[in-house]
Amino acid sequence: MPGRIARAAVSRGFTLVEILVVLVIVGLTTGLVVPRLVDLPQRLQVANERKRLLARIEGLGYRAYTEGRGLTLREPARQPGAAAAETPLEIPEGWKLGVEAPIQYLANGACGGGVVAITSPRGDEERFRLLPPVCKPEPIEALRS
């Protein structure tokens, strides 16, 4: 019995192999996580701009009602030097707005409906259906091949 107690007191700690295994696991985990954290601020900014743009689109009916005049949502001119079509939306820099056909908002806040596409600065495009009379943006499911 005295030999067991002495042996237990001597064999405290970790072996070199155990420490190396832990270091490899920590290194692999860090290698997978850090690259995703690097572009996190940019991804958050794009997500917030997307949310604000959709809120502005949704609020166009209320804006038409409070201003007491109709509004038309149409695609802004993309060609340099072309007269920019008046759009009632402030579009964030780098974003693109596509409208299949002009969407009319009446002075009472009702809208005629339509389809809009927004493209982020990263090139991600999303399409939304605006159903009358409220025209809340509803995502259109991507076509699956």
C-alpha atoms as a PDB file:
ATOM      1  CA  MET A   1       0.000   0.000   0.000  1.00  0.00           C
ATOM      2  CA  PRO A   2       2.668   2.572   0.757  1.00  0.00           C
ATOM      3  CA  GLY A   3       4.064   2.053  -2.798  1.00  0.00           C
ATOM      4  CA  ARG A   4       0.664   2.927  -4.333  1.00  0.00           C
ATOM      5  CA  ILE A   5       0.379   6.166  -2.460  1.00  0.00           C
ATOM      6  CA  ALA A   6       3.893   7.193  -3.457  1.00  0.00           C
ATOM      7  CA  ARG A   7       3.268   6.305  -7.129  1.00  0.00           C
ATOM      8  CA  ALA A   8      -0.002   8.318  -7.248  1.00  0.00           C
ATOM      9  CA  ALA A   9       1.780  11.361  -5.838  1.00  0.00           C
ATOM     10  CA  VAL A  10       4.513  11.150  -8.500  1.00  0.00           C
ATOM     11  CA  SER A  11       2.257  10.662 -11.572  1.00  0.00           C
ATOM     12  CA  ARG A  12       0.455  14.013 -11.510  1.00  0.00           C
ATOM     13  CA  GLY A  13       0.118  16.138 -14.687  1.00  0.00           C
ATOM     14  CA  PHE A  14      -0.349  15.572 -18.394  1.00  0.00           C
ATOM     15  CA  THR A  15       1.874  13.850 -20.901  1.00  0.00           C
ATOM     16  CA  LEU A  16       3.381  15.694 -23.842  1.00  0.00           C
ATOM     17  CA  VAL A  17       1.107  13.814 -26.264  1.00  0.00           C
ATOM     18  CA  GLU A  18      -2.018  14.915 -24.381  1.00  0.00           C
ATOM     19  CA  ILE A  19      -0.906  18.542 -24.439  1.00  0.00           C
ATOM     20  CA  LEU A  20      -0.120  18.350 -28.175  1.00  0.00           C
ATOM     21  CA  VAL A  21      -3.551  16.839 -28.936  1.00  0.00           C
ATOM     22  CA  VAL A  22      -5.269  19.666 -27.055  1.00  0.00           C
ATOM     23  CA  LEU A  23      -3.163  22.276 -28.890  1.00  0.00           C
ATOM     24  CA  VAL A  24      -4.040  20.739 -32.280  1.00  0.00           C
ATOM     25  CA  ILE A  25      -7.759  20.780 -31.429  1.00  0.00           C
ATOM     26  CA  VAL A  26      -7.582  24.415 -30.270  1.00  0.00           C
ATOM     27  CA  GLY A  27      -5.646  25.363 -33.416  1.00  0.00           C
ATOM     28  CA  LEU A  28      -8.153  23.681 -35.753  1.00  0.00           C
ATOM     29  CA  THR A  29     -11.096  25.284 -33.971  1.00  0.00           C
ATOM     30  CA  THR A  30      -9.469  28.710 -34.155  1.00  0.00           C
ATOM     31  CA  GLY A  31      -8.688  28.194 -37.843  1.00  0.00           C
ATOM     32  CA  LEU A  32     -12.351  27.493 -38.562  1.00  0.00           C
ATOM     33  CA  VAL A  33     -13.881  30.245 -36.404  1.00  0.00           C
ATOM     34  CA  VAL A  34     -11.611  33.258 -36.935  1.00  0.00           C
ATOM     35  CA  PRO A  35     -12.169  33.638 -40.721  1.00  0.00           C
ATOM     36  CA  ARG A  36     -15.923  33.817 -40.148  1.00  0.00           C
ATOM     37  CA  LEU A  37     -15.454  36.465 -37.472  1.00  0.00           C
ATOM     38  CA  VAL A  38     -13.286  38.662 -39.689  1.00  0.00           C
ATOM     39  CA  ASP A  39     -16.119  39.580 -42.091  1.00  0.00           C
ATOM     40  CA  LEU A  40     -18.797  39.603 -39.397  1.00  0.00           C
ATOM     41  CA  PRO A  41     -19.088  43.433 -39.234  1.00  0.00           C
ATOM     42  CA  GLN A  42     -19.598  43.622 -43.015  1.00  0.00           C
ATOM     43  CA  ARG A  43     -22.218  40.856 -42.956  1.00  0.00           C
ATOM     44  CA  LEU A  44     -24.041  42.601 -40.098  1.00  0.00           C
ATOM     45  CA  GLN A  45     -24.000  45.917 -41.969  1.00  0.00           C
ATOM     46  CA  VAL A  46     -25.441  44.277 -45.106  1.00  0.00           C
ATOM     47  CA  ALA A  47     -28.140  42.556 -43.034  1.00  0.00           C
ATOM     48  CA  ASN A  48     -29.092  45.847 -41.332  1.00  0.00           C
ATOM     49  CA  GLU A  49     -29.212  47.743 -44.638  1.00  0.00           C
ATOM     50  CA  ARG A  50     -31.405  44.980 -46.097  1.00  0.00           C
ATOM     51  CA  LYS A  51     -33.756  45.193 -43.129  1.00  0.00           C
ATOM     52  CA  ARG A  52     -33.981  48.999 -43.399  1.00  0.00           C
ATOM     53  CA  LEU A  53     -34.609  48.875 -47.164  1.00  0.00           C
ATOM     54  CA  LEU A  54     -37.429  46.357 -46.719  1.00  0.00           C
ATOM     55  CA  ALA A  55     -38.910  48.505 -43.932  1.00  0.00           C
ATOM     56  CA  ARG A  56     -38.832  51.534 -46.262  1.00  0.00           C
ATOM     57  CA  ILE A  57     -40.581  49.549 -48.995  1.00  0.00           C
ATOM     58  CA  GLU A  58     -43.204  48.397 -46.494  1.00  0.00           C
ATOM     59  CA  GLY A  59     -43.690  51.957 -45.238  1.00  0.00           C
ATOM     60  CA  LEU A  60     -44.394  53.486 -48.658  1.00  0.00           C
ATOM     61  CA  GLY A  61     -48.161  53.060 -48.262  1.00  0.00           C
ATOM     62  CA  TYR A  62     -48.126  54.919 -44.958  1.00  0.00           C
ATOM     63  CA  ARG A  63     -45.915  57.595 -46.465  1.00  0.00           C
ATOM     64  CA  ALA A  64     -48.354  58.104 -49.363  1.00  0.00           C
ATOM     65  CA  TYR A  65     -51.203  58.357 -46.828  1.00  0.00           C
ATOM     66  CA  THR A  66     -49.443  60.883 -44.566  1.00  0.00           C
ATOM     67  CA  GLU A  67     -48.308  63.022 -47.504  1.00  0.00           C
ATOM     68  CA  GLY A  68     -51.809  62.851 -49.020  1.00  0.00           C
ATOM     69  CA  ARG A  69     -50.503  62.043 -52.491  1.00  0.00           C
ATOM     70  CA  GLY A  70     -49.864  58.994 -54.593  1.00  0.00           C
ATOM     71  CA  LEU A  71     -46.389  57.554 -55.027  1.00  0.00           C
ATOM     72  CA  THR A  72     -44.905  55.381 -57.751  1.00  0.00           C
ATOM     73  CA  LEU A  73     -42.136  52.899 -57.064  1.00  0.00           C
ATOM     74  CA  ARG A  74     -40.121  52.333 -60.211  1.00  0.00           C
ATOM     75  CA  GLU A  75     -36.670  51.134 -61.061  1.00  0.00           C
ATOM     76  CA  PRO A  76     -34.034  53.879 -60.881  1.00  0.00           C
ATOM     77  CA  ALA A  77     -32.143  54.713 -64.096  1.00  0.00           C
ATOM     78  CA  ARG A  78     -28.918  52.704 -64.319  1.00  0.00           C
ATOM     79  CA  GLN A  79     -27.269  54.290 -67.340  1.00  0.00           C
ATOM     80  CA  PRO A  80     -24.828  57.122 -66.721  1.00  0.00           C
ATOM     81  CA  GLY A  81     -26.197  60.461 -67.835  1.00  0.00           C
ATOM     82  CA  ALA A  82     -29.779  59.172 -68.009  1.00  0.00           C
ATOM     83  CA  ALA A  83     -32.405  61.177 -66.189  1.00  0.00           C
ATOM     84  CA  ALA A  84     -32.995  59.413 -62.910  1.00  0.00           C
ATOM     85  CA  ALA A  85     -36.587  58.379 -62.458  1.00  0.00           C
ATOM     86  CA  GLU A  86     -37.919  59.785 -59.227  1.00  0.00           C
ATOM     87  CA  THR A  87     -38.099  56.973 -56.738  1.00  0.00           C
ATOM     88  CA  PRO A  88     -39.664  57.522 -53.321  1.00  0.00           C
ATOM     89  CA  LEU A  89     -37.009  55.296 -51.717  1.00  0.00           C
ATOM     90  CA  GLU A  90     -33.575  56.099 -50.416  1.00  0.00           C
ATOM     91  CA  ILE A  91     -31.476  53.186 -51.635  1.00  0.00           C
ATOM     92  CA  PRO A  92     -28.248  52.482 -49.707  1.00  0.00           C
ATOM     93  CA  GLU A  93     -24.993  52.883 -51.601  1.00  0.00           C
ATOM     94  CA  GLY A  94     -24.035  49.740 -53.507  1.00  0.00           C
ATOM     95  CA  TRP A  95     -27.562  48.318 -53.470  1.00  0.00           C
ATOM     96  CA  LYS A  96     -29.727  47.899 -56.565  1.00  0.00           C
ATOM     97  CA  LEU A  97     -33.496  47.968 -56.767  1.00  0.00           C
ATOM     98  CA  GLY A  98     -35.332  46.197 -59.552  1.00  0.00           C
ATOM     99  CA  VAL A  99     -39.051  46.675 -60.190  1.00  0.00           C
ATOM    100  CA  GLU A 100     -40.800  44.547 -62.822  1.00  0.00           C
ATOM    101  CA  ALA A 101     -43.503  47.157 -63.414  1.00  0.00           C
ATOM    102  CA  PRO A 102     -44.134  50.485 -61.654  1.00  0.00           C
ATOM    103  CA  ILE A 103     -45.981  49.987 -58.364  1.00  0.00           C
ATOM    104  CA  GLN A 104     -48.628  52.597 -57.604  1.00  0.00           C
ATOM    105  CA  TYR A 105     -49.384  53.737 -54.064  1.00  0.00           C
ATOM    106  CA  LEU A 106     -52.631  55.671 -53.747  1.00  0.00           C
ATOM    107  CA  ALA A 107     -53.110  58.693 -51.499  1.00  0.00           C
ATOM    108  CA  ASN A 108     -55.174  56.519 -49.126  1.00  0.00           C
ATOM    109  CA  GLY A 109     -52.142  54.236 -48.564  1.00  0.00           C
ATOM    110  CA  ALA A 110     -53.298  51.292 -50.663  1.00  0.00           C
ATOM    111  CA  CYS A 111     -50.969  49.908 -53.285  1.00  0.00           C
ATOM    112  CA  GLY A 112     -51.514  48.007 -56.500  1.00  0.00           C
ATOM    113  CA  GLY A 113     -48.963  45.278 -55.815  1.00  0.00           C
ATOM    114  CA  GLY A 114     -46.025  44.012 -57.809  1.00  0.00           C
ATOM    115  CA  VAL A 115     -42.620  42.399 -57.608  1.00  0.00           C
ATOM    116  CA  VAL A 116     -39.354  43.997 -56.503  1.00  0.00           C
ATOM    117  CA  ALA A 117     -35.823  42.632 -56.453  1.00  0.00           C
ATOM    118  CA  ILE A 118     -33.069  43.939 -54.231  1.00  0.00           C
ATOM    119  CA  THR A 119     -29.404  43.198 -54.876  1.00  0.00           C
ATOM    120  CA  SER A 120     -26.869  43.641 -52.095  1.00  0.00           C
ATOM    121  CA  PRO A 121     -23.365  45.019 -52.609  1.00  0.00           C
ATOM    122  CA  ARG A 122     -22.151  41.411 -52.384  1.00  0.00           C
ATOM    123  CA  GLY A 123     -24.309  40.509 -55.406  1.00  0.00           C
ATOM    124  CA  ASP A 124     -26.977  38.532 -53.538  1.00  0.00           C
ATOM    125  CA  GLU A 125     -30.374  39.100 -55.161  1.00  0.00           C
ATOM    126  CA  GLU A 126     -33.702  38.567 -53.424  1.00  0.00           C
ATOM    127  CA  ARG A 127     -37.137  38.938 -54.953  1.00  0.00           C
ATOM    128  CA  PHE A 128     -40.221  40.015 -53.037  1.00  0.00           C
ATOM    129  CA  ARG A 129     -43.884  40.045 -53.925  1.00  0.00           C
ATOM    130  CA  LEU A 130     -45.908  43.040 -52.747  1.00  0.00           C
ATOM    131  CA  LEU A 131     -49.503  41.935 -52.347  1.00  0.00           C
ATOM    132  CA  PRO A 132     -52.215  44.623 -52.410  1.00  0.00           C
ATOM    133  CA  PRO A 133     -53.561  46.502 -50.590  1.00  0.00           C
ATOM    134  CA  VAL A 134     -50.892  46.605 -47.836  1.00  0.00           C
ATOM    135  CA  CYS A 135     -47.870  45.582 -49.955  1.00  0.00           C
ATOM    136  CA  LYS A 136     -45.809  44.027 -47.204  1.00  0.00           C
ATOM    137  CA  PRO A 137     -42.735  42.456 -48.882  1.00  0.00           C
ATOM    138  CA  GLU A 138     -43.103  38.670 -48.970  1.00  0.00           C
ATOM    139  CA  PRO A 139     -40.084  36.668 -50.195  1.00  0.00           C
ATOM    140  CA  ILE A 140     -40.551  34.753 -53.417  1.00  0.00           C
ATOM    141  CA  GLU A 141     -39.140  31.262 -53.081  1.00  0.00           C
ATOM    142  CA  ALA A 142     -36.233  30.601 -55.405  1.00  0.00           C
ATOM    143  CA  LEU A 143     -37.063  28.311 -58.304  1.00  0.00           C
ATOM    144  CA  ARG A 144     -35.612  24.871 -57.732  1.00  0.00           C
ATOM    145  CA  SER A 145     -34.307  22.973 -60.750  1.00  0.00           C
END
